Amino acid sequence: MRVLLDTNVLISALFRGGNPRKALERCIRGEDELILCRIILDEVDEVLAKPKFGIDPIHRVYFLKALEDISDLIPVDEPVEKLCRDPDDDFILACAVRGRAERMVTGDDDLLSLHEHAGIPVLTVRAHLESV
């Protein structure tokens, strides 16, 4: 299954484990195909660079490279259209559509409020894992 994991899911997978980590591990094992774009990777990098996380820059590079290696990296230059309450999330929708994702997995309420976009369900991590 082609799955877009949003930034908050990837960060939670790294720091909190639980269901976000299970969702990422499904991609690592090849049970799901991870869909990402440079915008998501840049956002992950930006979050991990915050001093509160205490992540060494080299470890950030390794994590980002590992994500790239297991993902189908979709080029997204502009959002599909202005749909989301948070305009920055329109790029996530564009990535999902252009990457032919079968579902978007997020903890972002702005995205979850859509329920689906272009026929692609927007699910919490729990809902995603319960339906695979």
Foldseek 3Di string as FASTA:
>chain_A
DEEEEALVLLVCLVPPNDLSVVVVVCLVVVVYAYFEEVLRLVVNLVVCPDVVNVDDPVVSVVSSVVVVVSHDYFYFDDFPDQDWPDSVCSSVVRSCVRVVGQEYEYPDPRVVVVCADPNHGYYHSVVVVVVD
